[in-house]
Structure formats: C-alpha cells, structure tokens
Amino acid sequence: MKTAGISDIKQALHNLAPNELIDLCLRLGKFKKENKELISFLLFEAHDTDGYIQSVKRMMEQEFENVHTTNLYFAKKTLRKILRITNKHIKYTASAMVETELLLHFCQLYKALAIPTHRSTALQNLYDQQIKKIRKSNAQLHEDLQYEYNKTLNRLQRS
C-alpha cells in the first residue's frame, strides 16, 4: 500500500463532512497512545502554553527524583527516558520557545543531580547535545527572549 502525501491528505480532509472528520480523528486516536496524546494536547492544552510547560516541568522533576545517581548505567537509562518523554512533548507544541524552555529545565535538573559525568562520556555527550539543541532553538526566537535564555544558559554552563 502506498502512503499518500500530506497535500493529498489535506485535500481529502477538506472534502469530508464534519461528522466523517470526527469519526476519522477518533479512529486515529484509537491506534496509538501518541496519537491520542497529540489530539488531547491540541484540543485541551494548546491554548495554554504556559500551563502546559509547567505541567511538563513538574513531570520532569518527578522523574528526576527517580534517577539512580550512584550507578551511571541506570542514571543514563533514566535520563534518556526523561529526555524521550520531554522531546515528545516538545514535538506536540512545535514551538522553539517551548523547546528552549524545557531543555533548559532538563539541563538545570541534570546539573542539580551532581552525577559524576566526567566518568561517563555517554552522559557528557547527552548533556552537550541538549546544549546544542538549546542554542539552535534559541536562535529562532525573538531577540529579547534570546537574551534571557542565553543568560540562563551561560549561568548553567558556568556552574
């Protein structure tokens, strides 16, 4: 089966009746948890970006409490899990500001763990990649926001 392109799907969706569109969305939501999460975000949380950011930050803080700081292998697995979930939430919003904010928060929580990253290149690389992603998404923002986030990023890198 050949998958249709986005423009073809868009055209077909315009031709559907509202009831058919609702049925299609509900059916799509049944197949994957991520589809259901995305639909829930778009319907219920997309209008309140600040509230959504705060809820994701709280979730991250709860997950960081479960990080095993003495065993680097388990710490790495847990940090990757947190990062995978965070990136999923970033994808839902499709916003550079949300990406910058959440990844900065991740890095701040990471630094607060006081894990001996000098003993694990994988953990150090994980952290460095997030810094690169922050710089890239920050470059897409307005100058005032860039300045504020750069101050936070520089403070984070000095510590």
N, C-alpha and C. Protein backbone atom coordinates (compact mmCIF):
# COMPACT_ATOMS: atom_id res chain seq x y z
N MET A 1 0.84 -1.19 0.00
CA MET A 1 0.00 0.00 0.00
C MET A 1 0.88 1.24 0.00
N LYS A 2 0.59 2.14 -0.89
CA LYS A 2 1.35 3.38 -0.99
C LYS A 2 0.70 4.44 -0.09
N THR A 3 1.53 5.14 0.69
CA THR A 3 1.03 6.17 1.59
C THR A 3 0.89 7.48 0.83
N ALA A 4 -0.23 8.14 1.03
CA ALA A 4 -0.50 9.41 0.35
C ALA A 4 0.34 10.53 0.97
N GLY A 5 0.63 11.55 0.20
CA GLY A 5 1.37 12.69 0.69
C GLY A 5 0.50 13.61 1.53
N ILE A 6 1.12 14.54 2.22
CA ILE A 6 0.41 15.47 3.08
C ILE A 6 -0.58 16.31 2.29
N SER A 7 -0.18 16.77 1.11
CA SER A 7 -1.09 17.61 0.32
C SER A 7 -2.33 16.82 -0.12
N ASP A 8 -2.14 15.55 -0.46
CA ASP A 8 -3.28 14.71 -0.83
C ASP A 8 -4.21 14.49 0.36
N ILE A 9 -3.63 14.24 1.51
CA ILE A 9 -4.43 14.04 2.72
C ILE A 9 -5.20 15.32 3.07
N LYS A 10 -4.53 16.45 2.94
CA LYS A 10 -5.16 17.74 3.24
C LYS A 10 -6.36 17.96 2.31
N GLN A 11 -6.17 17.68 1.05
CA GLN A 11 -7.24 17.83 0.06
C GLN A 11 -8.43 16.92 0.39
N ALA A 12 -8.13 15.68 0.76
CA ALA A 12 -9.19 14.72 1.08
C ALA A 12 -9.93 15.14 2.36
N LEU A 13 -9.21 15.70 3.33
CA LEU A 13 -9.84 16.14 4.58
C LEU A 13 -10.79 17.32 4.34
N HIS A 14 -10.44 18.18 3.40
CA HIS A 14 -11.31 19.32 3.07
C HIS A 14 -12.63 18.84 2.46
N ASN A 15 -12.60 17.71 1.79
CA ASN A 15 -13.79 17.20 1.13
C ASN A 15 -14.71 16.39 2.05
N LEU A 16 -14.25 16.10 3.28
CA LEU A 16 -15.05 15.29 4.20
C LEU A 16 -16.09 16.14 4.93
N ALA A 17 -17.17 15.51 5.28
CA ALA A 17 -18.20 16.15 6.11
C ALA A 17 -17.69 16.20 7.56
N PRO A 18 -18.16 17.15 8.36
CA PRO A 18 -17.69 17.27 9.76
C PRO A 18 -17.84 15.98 10.57
N ASN A 19 -18.93 15.27 10.40
CA ASN A 19 -19.12 14.02 11.14
C ASN A 19 -18.10 12.96 10.73
N GLU A 20 -17.80 12.89 9.44
CA GLU A 20 -16.80 11.95 8.96
C GLU A 20 -15.42 12.30 9.50
N LEU A 21 -15.15 13.60 9.59
CA LEU A 21 -13.87 14.06 10.11
C LEU A 21 -13.72 13.70 11.58
N ILE A 22 -14.78 13.85 12.34
CA ILE A 22 -14.77 13.47 13.76
C ILE A 22 -14.52 11.97 13.90
N ASP A 23 -15.21 11.17 13.11
CA ASP A 23 -15.02 9.72 13.16
C ASP A 23 -13.58 9.33 12.81
N LEU A 24 -13.03 10.01 11.82
CA LEU A 24 -11.67 9.73 11.39
C LEU A 24 -10.67 10.06 12.51
N CYS A 25 -10.85 11.18 13.19
CA CYS A 25 -9.96 11.57 14.29
C CYS A 25 -10.07 10.59 15.45
N LEU A 26 -11.29 10.16 15.76
CA LEU A 26 -11.47 9.20 16.85
C LEU A 26 -10.83 7.85 16.51
N ARG A 27 -10.95 7.45 15.29
CA ARG A 27 -10.34 6.19 14.87
C ARG A 27 -8.82 6.29 14.92
N LEU A 28 -8.30 7.43 14.52
CA LEU A 28 -6.86 7.65 14.57
C LEU A 28 -6.37 7.62 16.02
N GLY A 29 -7.14 8.18 16.93
CA GLY A 29 -6.77 8.20 18.34
C GLY A 29 -6.76 6.81 18.98
N LYS A 30 -7.48 5.88 18.41
CA LYS A 30 -7.53 4.53 18.97
C LYS A 30 -6.28 3.71 18.69
N PHE A 31 -5.53 4.06 17.65
CA PHE A 31 -4.43 3.22 17.24
C PHE A 31 -3.17 3.37 18.07
N LYS A 32 -2.79 4.56 18.39
CA LYS A 32 -1.56 4.76 19.13
C LYS A 32 -1.79 5.71 20.28
N LYS A 33 -1.10 5.46 21.35
CA LYS A 33 -1.19 6.33 22.53
C LYS A 33 -0.73 7.74 22.18
N GLU A 34 0.32 7.84 21.36
CA GLU A 34 0.86 9.15 20.99
C GLU A 34 -0.14 9.95 20.17
N ASN A 35 -0.90 9.28 19.30
CA ASN A 35 -1.94 9.98 18.54
C ASN A 35 -2.98 10.56 19.49
N LYS A 36 -3.37 9.76 20.47
CA LYS A 36 -4.36 10.22 21.44
C LYS A 36 -3.80 11.38 22.27
N GLU A 37 -2.53 11.29 22.65
CA GLU A 37 -1.91 12.38 23.41
C GLU A 37 -1.85 13.66 22.59
N LEU A 38 -1.51 13.54 21.31
CA LEU A 38 -1.44 14.72 20.45
C LEU A 38 -2.82 15.35 20.27
N ILE A 39 -3.83 14.54 20.05
CA ILE A 39 -5.19 15.06 19.90
C ILE A 39 -5.63 15.73 21.19
N SER A 40 -5.31 15.12 22.33
CA SER A 40 -5.65 15.72 23.63
C SER A 40 -4.95 17.06 23.82
N PHE A 41 -3.67 17.10 23.45
CA PHE A 41 -2.94 18.37 23.57
C PHE A 41 -3.59 19.44 22.70
N LEU A 42 -3.87 19.11 21.45
CA LEU A 42 -4.42 20.10 20.52
C LEU A 42 -5.81 20.58 20.95
N LEU A 43 -6.60 19.69 21.52
CA LEU A 43 -7.95 20.07 21.93
C LEU A 43 -8.00 20.79 23.27
N PHE A 44 -7.21 20.35 24.23
CA PHE A 44 -7.39 20.82 25.60
C PHE A 44 -6.26 21.70 26.15
N GLU A 45 -5.05 21.58 25.59
CA GLU A 45 -3.94 22.28 26.21
C GLU A 45 -3.20 23.25 25.30
N ALA A 46 -3.46 23.25 24.03
CA ALA A 46 -2.71 24.09 23.10
C ALA A 46 -2.94 25.58 23.36
N HIS A 47 -4.09 25.93 23.91
CA HIS A 47 -4.39 27.34 24.16
C HIS A 47 -3.64 27.89 25.38
N ASP A 48 -3.17 27.02 26.28
CA ASP A 48 -2.48 27.44 27.49
C ASP A 48 -1.05 26.89 27.49
N THR A 49 -0.18 27.51 26.71
CA THR A 49 1.18 27.02 26.57
C THR A 49 1.94 27.08 27.89
N ASP A 50 1.76 28.17 28.64
CA ASP A 50 2.48 28.30 29.92
C ASP A 50 2.08 27.21 30.90
N GLY A 51 0.80 26.92 30.98
CA GLY A 51 0.33 25.85 31.86
C GLY A 51 0.88 24.50 31.42
N TYR A 52 0.93 24.29 30.12
CA TYR A 52 1.45 23.03 29.59
C TYR A 52 2.94 22.89 29.93
N ILE A 53 3.70 23.97 29.76
CA ILE A 53 5.13 23.95 30.09
C ILE A 53 5.31 23.61 31.57
N GLN A 54 4.52 24.24 32.43
CA GLN A 54 4.64 23.98 33.86
C GLN A 54 4.30 22.53 34.20
N SER A 55 3.29 21.97 33.55
CA SER A 55 2.93 20.57 33.84
C SER A 55 4.03 19.62 33.38
N VAL A 56 4.65 19.90 32.23
CA VAL A 56 5.75 19.05 31.75
C VAL A 56 6.95 19.20 32.68
N LYS A 57 7.21 20.40 33.16
CA LYS A 57 8.33 20.62 34.09
C LYS A 57 8.10 19.84 35.39
N ARG A 58 6.88 19.86 35.89
CA ARG A 58 6.58 19.10 37.11
C ARG A 58 6.79 17.60 36.89
N MET A 59 6.36 17.12 35.71
CA MET A 59 6.56 15.72 35.38
C MET A 59 8.05 15.39 35.32
N MET A 60 8.85 16.29 34.75
CA MET A 60 10.29 16.08 34.66
C MET A 60 10.90 16.03 36.06
N GLU A 61 10.48 16.93 36.92
CA GLU A 61 11.01 16.97 38.29
C GLU A 61 10.69 15.68 39.03
N GLN A 62 9.49 15.16 38.84
CA GLN A 62 9.13 13.89 39.48
C GLN A 62 10.00 12.75 38.96
N GLU A 63 10.24 12.73 37.66
CA GLU A 63 11.07 11.68 37.08
C GLU A 63 12.52 11.80 37.53
N PHE A 64 13.01 13.03 37.70
CA PHE A 64 14.39 13.22 38.14
C PHE A 64 14.60 12.73 39.57
N GLU A 65 13.54 12.68 40.35
CA GLU A 65 13.66 12.14 41.71
C GLU A 65 13.97 10.64 41.68
N ASN A 66 13.65 9.97 40.58
CA ASN A 66 13.86 8.53 40.47
C ASN A 66 15.20 8.16 39.84
N VAL A 67 16.03 9.15 39.50
CA VAL A 67 17.31 8.87 38.86
C VAL A 67 18.26 8.24 39.88
N HIS A 68 18.86 7.14 39.49
CA HIS A 68 19.81 6.41 40.33
C HIS A 68 21.17 7.07 40.16
N THR A 69 21.60 7.86 41.13
CA THR A 69 22.81 8.67 40.96
C THR A 69 24.10 7.91 41.22
N THR A 70 24.05 6.76 41.87
CA THR A 70 25.29 6.04 42.17
C THR A 70 25.70 5.11 41.03
N ASN A 71 24.76 4.59 40.29
CA ASN A 71 25.07 3.71 39.17
C ASN A 71 24.86 4.47 37.87
N LEU A 72 25.95 4.73 37.16
CA LEU A 72 25.88 5.55 35.94
C LEU A 72 25.06 4.90 34.84
N TYR A 73 25.07 3.58 34.76
CA TYR A 73 24.29 2.89 33.73
C TYR A 73 22.80 3.15 33.91
N PHE A 74 22.31 3.00 35.14
CA PHE A 74 20.89 3.23 35.39
C PHE A 74 20.54 4.71 35.30
N ALA A 75 21.49 5.57 35.68
CA ALA A 75 21.26 7.01 35.56
C ALA A 75 21.09 7.38 34.09
N LYS A 76 21.93 6.83 33.24
CA LYS A 76 21.86 7.12 31.80
C LYS A 76 20.53 6.65 31.22
N LYS A 77 20.09 5.45 31.60
CA LYS A 77 18.82 4.92 31.09
C LYS A 77 17.65 5.80 31.51
N THR A 78 17.66 6.23 32.77
CA THR A 78 16.56 7.07 33.26
C THR A 78 16.58 8.44 32.61
N LEU A 79 17.77 9.02 32.45
CA LEU A 79 17.88 10.34 31.81
C LEU A 79 17.42 10.28 30.36
N ARG A 80 17.76 9.22 29.67
CA ARG A 80 17.30 9.08 28.28
C ARG A 80 15.78 8.94 28.20
N LYS A 81 15.22 8.23 29.17
CA LYS A 81 13.76 8.09 29.22
C LYS A 81 13.11 9.45 29.42
N ILE A 82 13.63 10.23 30.37
CA ILE A 82 13.09 11.57 30.64
C ILE A 82 13.21 12.43 29.39
N LEU A 83 14.34 12.35 28.74
CA LEU A 83 14.57 13.14 27.53
C LEU A 83 13.65 12.72 26.40
N ARG A 84 13.40 11.44 26.26
CA ARG A 84 12.49 10.94 25.22
C ARG A 84 11.07 11.47 25.44
N ILE A 85 10.62 11.46 26.69
CA ILE A 85 9.29 11.97 27.01
C ILE A 85 9.23 13.48 26.79
N THR A 86 10.28 14.17 27.20
CA THR A 86 10.34 15.63 27.02
C THR A 86 10.31 15.99 25.55
N ASN A 87 11.07 15.29 24.74
CA ASN A 87 11.09 15.57 23.30
C ASN A 87 9.74 15.30 22.65
N LYS A 88 9.02 14.32 23.17
CA LYS A 88 7.67 14.04 22.66
C LYS A 88 6.76 15.24 22.92
N HIS A 89 6.85 15.79 24.12
CA HIS A 89 6.03 16.96 24.46
C HIS A 89 6.46 18.20 23.65
N ILE A 90 7.74 18.30 23.38
CA ILE A 90 8.24 19.41 22.55
C ILE A 90 7.67 19.30 21.14
N LYS A 91 7.63 18.07 20.61
CA LYS A 91 7.08 17.84 19.27
C LYS A 91 5.62 18.23 19.19
N TYR A 92 4.86 17.96 20.25
CA TYR A 92 3.44 18.30 20.24
C TYR A 92 3.23 19.80 20.09
N THR A 93 4.06 20.60 20.74
CA THR A 93 3.86 22.05 20.70
C THR A 93 4.40 22.67 19.42
N ALA A 94 5.45 22.09 18.86
CA ALA A 94 6.10 22.61 17.65
C ALA A 94 6.49 24.07 17.83
N SER A 95 7.06 24.40 18.99
CA SER A 95 7.42 25.77 19.31
C SER A 95 8.87 25.82 19.78
N ALA A 96 9.65 26.73 19.20
CA ALA A 96 11.05 26.88 19.59
C ALA A 96 11.17 27.37 21.03
N MET A 97 10.22 28.22 21.46
CA MET A 97 10.27 28.73 22.82
C MET A 97 10.05 27.60 23.83
N VAL A 98 9.10 26.74 23.56
CA VAL A 98 8.83 25.61 24.46
C VAL A 98 10.03 24.67 24.48
N GLU A 99 10.62 24.43 23.31
CA GLU A 99 11.79 23.56 23.24
C GLU A 99 12.93 24.12 24.08
N THR A 100 13.20 25.41 23.93
CA THR A 100 14.27 26.04 24.69
C THR A 100 13.99 25.97 26.19
N GLU A 101 12.79 26.30 26.56
CA GLU A 101 12.41 26.32 27.98
C GLU A 101 12.52 24.93 28.62
N LEU A 102 11.99 23.92 27.96
CA LEU A 102 12.00 22.57 28.53
C LEU A 102 13.40 21.97 28.56
N LEU A 103 14.18 22.20 27.52
CA LEU A 103 15.54 21.65 27.51
C LEU A 103 16.42 22.37 28.52
N LEU A 104 16.21 23.67 28.70
CA LEU A 104 16.95 24.39 29.75
C LEU A 104 16.61 23.81 31.12
N HIS A 105 15.34 23.54 31.33
CA HIS A 105 14.92 22.96 32.61
C HIS A 105 15.54 21.57 32.80
N PHE A 106 15.58 20.80 31.73
CA PHE A 106 16.21 19.48 31.80
C PHE A 106 17.67 19.62 32.21
N CYS A 107 18.39 20.55 31.59
CA CYS A 107 19.81 20.74 31.90
C CYS A 107 20.00 21.24 33.33
N GLN A 108 19.12 22.10 33.80
CA GLN A 108 19.21 22.57 35.18
C GLN A 108 19.01 21.43 36.16
N LEU A 109 18.02 20.59 35.90
CA LEU A 109 17.79 19.44 36.77
C LEU A 109 18.95 18.44 36.70
N TYR A 110 19.50 18.30 35.51
CA TYR A 110 20.64 17.41 35.30
C TYR A 110 21.83 17.87 36.12
N LYS A 111 22.12 19.17 36.07
CA LYS A 111 23.24 19.72 36.83
C LYS A 111 23.01 19.58 38.34
N ALA A 112 21.76 19.71 38.77
CA ALA A 112 21.45 19.61 40.21
C ALA A 112 21.64 18.19 40.73
N LEU A 113 21.64 17.19 39.85
CA LEU A 113 21.82 15.81 40.28
C LEU A 113 23.21 15.54 40.83
N ALA A 114 24.17 16.27 40.35
CA ALA A 114 25.57 16.09 40.75
C ALA A 114 26.06 14.66 40.43
N ILE A 115 25.79 14.23 39.22
CA ILE A 115 26.29 12.93 38.75
C ILE A 115 27.72 13.15 38.26
N PRO A 116 28.62 12.24 38.56
CA PRO A 116 30.00 12.39 38.08
C PRO A 116 30.09 12.12 36.57
N THR A 117 29.72 13.13 35.78
CA THR A 117 29.68 12.94 34.33
C THR A 117 31.07 12.77 33.72
N HIS A 118 32.09 13.20 34.43
CA HIS A 118 33.45 13.03 33.91
C HIS A 118 33.83 11.54 33.79
N ARG A 119 33.07 10.67 34.46
CA ARG A 119 33.33 9.23 34.39
C ARG A 119 32.54 8.56 33.27
N SER A 120 31.65 9.28 32.62
CA SER A 120 30.83 8.68 31.57
C SER A 120 30.75 9.63 30.37
N THR A 121 31.36 9.23 29.29
CA THR A 121 31.31 10.06 28.09
C THR A 121 29.89 10.10 27.52
N ALA A 122 29.13 9.03 27.69
CA ALA A 122 27.76 9.00 27.17
C ALA A 122 26.91 10.06 27.87
N LEU A 123 27.04 10.17 29.18
CA LEU A 123 26.28 11.19 29.91
C LEU A 123 26.74 12.59 29.54
N GLN A 124 28.03 12.77 29.37
CA GLN A 124 28.54 14.09 28.99
C GLN A 124 28.05 14.45 27.59
N ASN A 125 28.06 13.49 26.68
CA ASN A 125 27.57 13.74 25.32
C ASN A 125 26.07 14.05 25.32
N LEU A 126 25.31 13.36 26.17
CA LEU A 126 23.88 13.60 26.29
C LEU A 126 23.63 15.06 26.68
N TYR A 127 24.37 15.52 27.67
CA TYR A 127 24.24 16.90 28.14
C TYR A 127 24.66 17.90 27.05
N ASP A 128 25.79 17.62 26.41
CA ASP A 128 26.30 18.52 25.37
C ASP A 128 25.32 18.63 24.19
N GLN A 129 24.68 17.52 23.83
CA GLN A 129 23.70 17.55 22.75
C GLN A 129 22.51 18.44 23.10
N GLN A 130 22.10 18.42 24.37
CA GLN A 130 20.97 19.26 24.77
C GLN A 130 21.35 20.72 24.71
N ILE A 131 22.59 21.04 25.07
CA ILE A 131 23.07 22.43 24.97
C ILE A 131 23.05 22.88 23.51
N LYS A 132 23.48 22.01 22.59
CA LYS A 132 23.44 22.34 21.16
C LYS A 132 22.00 22.59 20.70
N LYS A 133 21.09 21.73 21.13
CA LYS A 133 19.69 21.88 20.74
C LYS A 133 19.11 23.18 21.29
N ILE A 134 19.51 23.54 22.51
CA ILE A 134 19.03 24.79 23.11
C ILE A 134 19.52 25.97 22.29
N ARG A 135 20.78 25.97 21.94
CA ARG A 135 21.34 27.07 21.14
C ARG A 135 20.64 27.18 19.79
N LYS A 136 20.36 26.04 19.16
CA LYS A 136 19.71 26.04 17.85
C LYS A 136 18.28 26.57 17.94
N SER A 137 17.51 26.11 18.92
CA SER A 137 16.13 26.58 19.04
C SER A 137 16.07 28.02 19.53
N ASN A 138 17.03 28.41 20.35
CA ASN A 138 17.08 29.77 20.87
C ASN A 138 17.34 30.77 19.74
N ALA A 139 18.09 30.36 18.74
CA ALA A 139 18.41 31.25 17.62
C ALA A 139 17.17 31.61 16.81
N GLN A 140 16.10 30.84 16.94
CA GLN A 140 14.88 31.09 16.18
C GLN A 140 13.94 32.06 16.90
N LEU A 141 14.27 32.42 18.13
CA LEU A 141 13.37 33.24 18.95
C LEU A 141 13.63 34.73 18.76
N HIS A 142 12.75 35.53 19.33
CA HIS A 142 12.90 36.98 19.34
C HIS A 142 14.13 37.36 20.16
N GLU A 143 14.73 38.50 19.83
CA GLU A 143 15.98 38.93 20.47
C GLU A 143 15.87 39.02 21.99
N ASP A 144 14.76 39.52 22.50
CA ASP A 144 14.61 39.66 23.94
C ASP A 144 14.59 38.30 24.63
N LEU A 145 13.85 37.37 24.04
CA LEU A 145 13.83 36.02 24.60
C LEU A 145 15.19 35.35 24.47
N GLN A 146 15.86 35.58 23.36
CA GLN A 146 17.20 35.02 23.17
C GLN A 146 18.14 35.50 24.27
N TYR A 147 18.07 36.78 24.59
CA TYR A 147 18.93 37.34 25.62
C TYR A 147 18.68 36.68 26.97
N GLU A 148 17.40 36.56 27.34
CA GLU A 148 17.06 35.95 28.63
C GLU A 148 17.51 34.48 28.69
N TYR A 149 17.24 33.73 27.64
CA TYR A 149 17.62 32.33 27.64
C TYR A 149 19.14 32.16 27.58
N ASN A 150 19.82 33.05 26.87
CA ASN A 150 21.29 32.98 26.84
C ASN A 150 21.89 33.26 28.21
N LYS A 151 21.28 34.18 28.95
CA LYS A 151 21.76 34.44 30.31
C LYS A 151 21.63 33.18 31.16
N THR A 152 20.49 32.53 31.07
CA THR A 152 20.26 31.31 31.83
C THR A 152 21.23 30.21 31.38
N LEU A 153 21.43 30.10 30.09
CA LEU A 153 22.33 29.08 29.54
C LEU A 153 23.76 29.33 29.99
N ASN A 154 24.21 30.57 29.95
CA ASN A 154 25.57 30.89 30.37
C ASN A 154 25.75 30.62 31.87
N ARG A 155 24.74 30.95 32.65
CA ARG A 155 24.81 30.67 34.09
C ARG A 155 24.89 29.16 34.33
N LEU A 156 24.17 28.43 33.54
CA LEU A 156 24.16 26.97 33.67
C LEU A 156 25.51 26.37 33.30
N GLN A 157 26.13 26.89 32.26
CA GLN A 157 27.41 26.35 31.82
C GLN A 157 28.55 26.72 32.75
N ARG A 158 28.42 27.84 33.46
CA ARG A 158 29.47 28.23 34.41
C ARG A 158 29.46 27.36 35.66
N SER A 159 28.30 26.87 36.01
CA SER A 159 28.21 26.10 37.26
C SER A 159 28.71 24.68 37.11
